[in-house]
Amino acid sequence: MIDTKEEQIRLYARQLKIPTFANYADTIRQCAPDTDFSGFLLELMMTEAASRQENQTRRRMKAAAFPFQKTLDEFDMTQLNPSVSPVFLNELASCKFIDECRNIVMIGNPGRGKTHIAIALGIKACLQGYRVLFRNASTLSTELTEARDSYQLGKIERQLARTDLLILDELSYLSFNKYESDLLFKVLSDRSERSSTIVTTNLPFSKWTELFENTTMVSALVDRLTYRSHVLDMNGSSYRLMSTREEAAAK
C-alpha cells in the first residue's frame, strides 16, 4: 500500500520513465511565484528533456571510447601549418562534414596534434547527437580479424555501419597483412559516401604501400578516402615536443 502522493508520484515517474518528475518539488522552488500550472508543467518537461539529452550524450561519449578528452579550445592554433586555418577547423567543428558524408584525412609528422584535433571533433559530434567511434588503426584491424575468426564479423560491421563518424587513428605505425588489409578496405569502402571517417597518419599517400600487403588495393583505398574529403597538411615542428620544453623551462 502506497501511503503518500509523493510515493505515488515517484512510482509513476519510474513506470513512465520520466524520473525528473519525481523531483517536482525542486522545480516548484525554482519557478517564479506567479507561475501557473502550464508554466510549471513546461518547466518539468524541459527539465526531463535536458536530463535525457545529457544521459544520451553521456552514453554516446562512452560508446565512442575516446582514449582521453580534448577540445579545440585547448589546442594552440598558432602551431597549425599555414595551409590549415583556425577558421577552417572551427568550421569543421560545426560537424557539417558529417551531414555531407565527407571524410577528413590529417597527414603530418608526429606530435602535431592530429589525434587531439580528431578527438575534439569527435566530442563535438557526440554533443550534437552523432554516433562516434574512436579506434586506433591497429586495434580495429585486430578486432576485425578476431571477429572474422570467431564468426562475429557481421556484428562489428553492423556497429560500424551505424556509426556516423569513425575516427581511425595512427594509420601509419604498423603494417597490415593481406587479410587485415582486405578487412580495413571493406570497412572504409562501405562507408564511402554513406558516412564520415577521420584518418590520422604520419605517412603521405605515396608511402601507404608500405602499410598494406595488398598493394594493388592502396590506390582504390586512397581514392575512396579522399573523394569528397578534406585533406589537411599537418606537417611542421612537433607541437608536443615544444609544449614539453616550455613546461620544463617554466619549472
Protein backbone atom coordinates (compact mmCIF):
# COMPACT_ATOMS: atom_id res chain seq x y z
CA MET A 1 0.00 0.00 0.00
CA ILE A 2 1.40 3.38 -1.06
CA ASP A 3 0.77 5.87 1.71
CA THR A 4 1.53 9.25 0.20
CA LYS A 5 1.06 11.13 -3.03
CA GLU A 6 4.81 11.72 -3.13
CA GLU A 7 5.42 7.96 -3.17
CA GLN A 8 2.79 7.52 -5.87
CA ILE A 9 4.46 10.21 -7.98
CA ARG A 10 7.86 8.52 -7.62
CA LEU A 11 6.31 5.17 -8.59
CA TYR A 12 4.57 6.53 -11.70
CA ALA A 13 7.67 8.53 -12.64
CA ARG A 14 9.65 5.26 -12.71
CA GLN A 15 6.93 3.39 -14.61
CA LEU A 16 6.55 6.15 -17.20
CA LYS A 17 10.34 6.62 -17.38
CA ILE A 18 10.20 10.31 -16.53
CA PRO A 19 12.48 10.29 -13.46
CA THR A 20 12.83 14.05 -13.16
CA PHE A 21 9.08 14.35 -12.46
CA ALA A 22 9.73 12.68 -9.10
CA ASN A 23 11.72 15.80 -8.17
CA TYR A 24 8.84 18.14 -8.92
CA ALA A 25 9.33 19.90 -5.58
CA ASP A 26 12.70 21.21 -6.76
CA THR A 27 11.05 22.59 -9.90
CA ILE A 28 8.35 24.30 -7.82
CA ARG A 29 11.00 26.05 -5.74
CA GLN A 30 12.76 27.26 -8.90
CA CYS A 31 9.60 28.64 -10.52
CA ALA A 32 8.52 32.23 -10.09
CA PRO A 33 5.71 32.73 -7.51
CA ASP A 34 3.22 33.71 -10.23
CA THR A 35 3.91 30.64 -12.41
CA ASP A 36 0.65 28.98 -13.48
CA PHE A 37 0.15 25.24 -13.89
CA SER A 38 1.03 25.19 -17.60
CA GLY A 39 4.25 27.07 -16.84
CA PHE A 40 5.10 24.60 -14.07
CA LEU A 41 4.37 21.65 -16.37
CA LEU A 42 6.54 23.19 -19.09
CA GLU A 43 9.43 23.55 -16.63
CA LEU A 44 9.05 19.90 -15.63
CA MET A 45 9.08 18.79 -19.26
CA MET A 46 12.08 20.96 -20.11
CA THR A 47 13.98 19.53 -17.14
CA GLU A 48 13.16 15.99 -18.26
CA ALA A 49 14.23 16.75 -21.84
CA ALA A 50 17.52 18.25 -20.67
CA SER A 51 18.17 15.25 -18.43
CA ARG A 52 17.52 12.82 -21.28
CA GLN A 53 19.77 14.75 -23.61
CA GLU A 54 22.54 14.74 -21.01
CA ASN A 55 22.17 10.99 -20.49
CA GLN A 56 22.19 10.33 -24.23
CA THR A 57 25.33 12.44 -24.65
CA ARG A 58 26.99 10.54 -21.79
CA ARG A 59 26.14 7.23 -23.49
CA ARG A 60 27.45 8.44 -26.85
CA MET A 61 30.70 9.60 -25.24
CA LYS A 62 31.15 6.24 -23.52
CA ALA A 63 30.38 4.32 -26.72
CA ALA A 64 32.87 6.45 -28.67
CA ALA A 65 35.69 5.09 -26.45
CA PHE A 66 37.94 8.14 -26.66
CA PRO A 67 41.31 7.39 -25.00
CA PHE A 68 41.16 10.86 -23.42
CA GLN A 69 39.19 14.06 -23.86
CA LYS A 70 40.45 17.08 -25.77
CA THR A 71 38.85 20.28 -27.05
CA LEU A 72 39.78 22.71 -29.79
CA ASP A 73 39.99 25.45 -27.16
CA GLU A 74 42.91 23.57 -25.61
CA PHE A 75 44.80 23.44 -28.90
CA ASP A 76 47.34 26.15 -29.73
CA MET A 77 46.11 27.27 -33.13
CA THR A 78 49.33 29.23 -33.77
CA GLN A 79 51.11 25.89 -34.23
CA LEU A 80 48.99 24.93 -37.23
CA ASN A 81 50.50 24.53 -40.66
CA PRO A 82 49.71 27.76 -42.58
CA SER A 83 47.61 25.72 -45.01
CA VAL A 84 45.16 24.90 -42.19
CA SER A 85 43.41 27.92 -40.71
CA PRO A 86 41.73 28.15 -37.30
CA VAL A 87 38.60 29.38 -39.09
CA PHE A 88 38.51 26.18 -41.14
CA LEU A 89 38.94 24.00 -38.02
CA ASN A 90 36.07 25.81 -36.34
CA GLU A 91 34.00 25.24 -39.46
CA LEU A 92 34.74 21.51 -39.20
CA ALA A 93 33.63 21.66 -35.56
CA SER A 94 30.13 22.51 -36.79
CA CYS A 95 30.06 18.86 -37.97
CA LYS A 96 28.51 19.82 -41.28
CA PHE A 97 31.03 17.47 -42.89
CA ILE A 98 29.21 14.55 -41.21
CA ASP A 99 25.87 15.60 -42.69
CA GLU A 100 27.61 15.76 -46.07
CA CYS A 101 29.27 12.34 -45.55
CA ARG A 102 32.71 13.85 -46.10
CA ASN A 103 35.95 12.46 -44.69
CA ILE A 104 38.90 14.18 -43.06
CA VAL A 105 42.44 12.91 -43.59
CA MET A 106 45.15 14.54 -41.46
CA ILE A 107 48.69 13.87 -42.68
CA GLY A 108 51.74 15.05 -40.76
CA ASN A 109 54.74 14.15 -38.69
CA PRO A 110 54.34 13.00 -35.05
CA GLY A 111 53.49 15.49 -32.33
CA ARG A 112 51.44 17.81 -34.49
CA GLY A 113 48.13 17.41 -32.65
CA LYS A 114 46.36 15.21 -35.18
CA THR A 115 44.86 12.92 -32.54
CA HIS A 116 44.00 15.94 -30.36
CA ILE A 117 42.02 17.55 -33.18
CA ALA A 118 40.38 14.27 -34.19
CA ILE A 119 39.14 13.67 -30.64
CA ALA A 120 37.99 17.29 -30.29
CA LEU A 121 35.91 16.95 -33.46
CA GLY A 122 34.60 13.60 -32.26
CA ILE A 123 33.46 15.11 -28.97
CA LYS A 124 31.75 17.95 -30.85
CA ALA A 125 29.93 15.31 -32.90
CA CYS A 126 28.82 13.44 -29.76
CA LEU A 127 27.45 16.67 -28.28
CA GLN A 128 25.47 17.26 -31.46
CA GLY A 129 23.87 13.82 -31.38
CA TYR A 130 26.05 11.86 -33.81
CA ARG A 131 27.22 8.31 -33.12
CA VAL A 132 31.03 8.28 -32.96
CA LEU A 133 33.62 5.52 -32.63
CA PHE A 134 37.32 6.08 -31.97
CA ARG A 135 39.73 3.31 -32.86
CA ASN A 136 43.48 3.03 -33.30
CA ALA A 137 44.01 1.56 -36.77
CA SER A 138 45.89 -1.48 -35.48
CA THR A 139 43.26 -2.05 -32.77
CA LEU A 140 40.44 -2.01 -35.29
CA SER A 141 42.39 -4.36 -37.53
CA THR A 142 42.80 -6.80 -34.64
CA GLU A 143 39.12 -6.55 -33.72
CA LEU A 144 38.06 -7.25 -37.30
CA THR A 145 40.41 -10.22 -37.58
CA GLU A 146 39.28 -11.74 -34.29
CA ALA A 147 35.62 -11.17 -35.22
CA ARG A 148 36.16 -12.92 -38.55
CA ASP A 149 37.87 -15.87 -36.86
CA SER A 150 35.04 -16.21 -34.34
CA TYR A 151 32.30 -15.76 -36.98
CA GLN A 152 31.24 -12.44 -35.43
CA LEU A 153 32.36 -10.19 -38.27
CA GLY A 154 28.81 -9.27 -39.23
CA LYS A 155 28.17 -7.88 -35.75
CA ILE A 156 31.10 -5.47 -35.77
CA GLU A 157 30.36 -4.49 -39.38
CA ARG A 158 26.80 -3.56 -38.39
CA GLN A 159 28.15 -1.50 -35.49
CA LEU A 160 30.48 0.36 -37.84
CA ALA A 161 27.67 0.87 -40.36
CA ARG A 162 25.56 2.58 -37.66
CA THR A 163 28.44 4.89 -36.74
CA ASP A 164 28.08 8.40 -38.14
CA LEU A 165 31.76 9.23 -37.57
CA LEU A 166 34.58 6.69 -37.40
CA ILE A 167 37.92 8.05 -36.17
CA LEU A 168 40.78 5.85 -37.40
CA ASP A 169 43.87 7.00 -35.54
CA GLU A 170 47.55 6.35 -36.31
CA LEU A 171 47.22 4.67 -39.68
CA SER A 172 50.98 4.59 -40.08
CA TYR A 173 52.88 2.73 -37.38
CA LEU A 174 52.10 -0.91 -38.16
CA SER A 175 51.74 -2.69 -41.47
CA PHE A 176 48.82 -4.99 -42.25
CA ASN A 177 48.85 -8.42 -43.85
CA LYS A 178 46.59 -9.27 -46.77
CA TYR A 179 43.63 -10.33 -44.62
CA GLU A 180 43.88 -7.26 -42.39
CA SER A 181 44.23 -5.04 -45.46
CA ASP A 182 41.12 -6.54 -47.03
CA LEU A 183 39.07 -6.14 -43.84
CA LEU A 184 40.07 -2.50 -43.36
CA PHE A 185 39.47 -1.76 -47.01
CA LYS A 186 35.95 -3.20 -46.82
CA VAL A 187 35.12 -1.08 -43.77
CA LEU A 188 36.31 2.13 -45.41
CA SER A 189 34.81 1.22 -48.75
CA ASP A 190 31.40 0.52 -47.19
CA ARG A 191 31.47 3.93 -45.51
CA SER A 192 32.29 5.80 -48.72
CA GLU A 193 29.60 8.43 -49.44
CA ARG A 194 27.41 6.95 -46.67
CA SER A 195 29.08 8.25 -43.52
CA SER A 196 32.20 10.05 -42.38
CA THR A 197 35.67 8.91 -41.37
CA ILE A 198 38.57 10.82 -39.85
CA VAL A 199 42.00 9.31 -40.52
CA THR A 200 45.25 10.46 -38.91
CA THR A 201 48.54 9.30 -40.40
CA ASN A 202 52.23 10.17 -40.45
CA LEU A 203 52.70 8.91 -43.99
CA PRO A 204 51.89 10.65 -47.28
CA PHE A 205 49.65 8.68 -49.62
CA SER A 206 52.67 7.75 -51.76
CA LYS A 207 54.02 5.66 -48.87
CA TRP A 208 50.81 3.83 -47.99
CA THR A 209 52.07 0.86 -49.99
CA GLU A 210 54.41 0.31 -47.03
CA LEU A 211 51.38 -0.29 -44.79
CA PHE A 212 49.35 -2.76 -46.78
CA GLU A 213 50.44 -6.12 -48.10
CA ASN A 214 47.71 -5.89 -50.71
CA THR A 215 49.37 -3.01 -52.54
CA THR A 216 47.01 -3.21 -55.53
CA MET A 217 44.26 -2.10 -53.16
CA VAL A 218 46.04 1.06 -51.96
CA SER A 219 45.08 3.30 -54.87
CA ALA A 220 41.42 2.29 -54.52
CA LEU A 221 41.57 2.90 -50.76
CA VAL A 222 43.09 6.36 -51.19
CA ASP A 223 40.55 7.14 -53.89
CA ARG A 224 37.63 6.29 -51.59
CA LEU A 225 39.06 8.13 -48.60
CA THR A 226 39.88 11.33 -50.46
CA TYR A 227 36.72 11.57 -52.56
CA ARG A 228 34.58 14.42 -51.19
CA SER A 229 37.11 14.82 -48.38
CA HIS A 230 39.18 17.40 -46.55
CA VAL A 231 42.89 16.53 -46.65
CA LEU A 232 44.81 18.53 -44.01
CA ASP A 233 48.56 19.06 -44.17
CA MET A 234 49.61 18.83 -40.52
CA ASN A 235 53.37 18.83 -41.03
CA GLY A 236 55.61 21.13 -39.01
CA SER A 237 57.60 21.27 -35.78
CA SER A 238 56.43 18.92 -33.06
CA TYR A 239 53.76 20.72 -31.06
CA ARG A 240 54.05 18.07 -28.35
CA LEU A 241 57.82 18.48 -28.06
CA MET A 242 57.58 22.27 -27.88
CA SER A 243 54.93 22.04 -25.14
CA THR A 244 57.16 19.67 -23.16
CA ARG A 245 60.11 22.04 -23.43
CA GLU A 246 58.02 25.04 -22.39
CA GLU A 247 56.73 23.15 -19.33
CA ALA A 248 60.28 22.14 -18.39
CA ALA A 249 61.54 25.71 -18.79
CA ALA A 250 58.73 27.04 -16.58
CA LYS A 251 59.77 24.82 -13.66
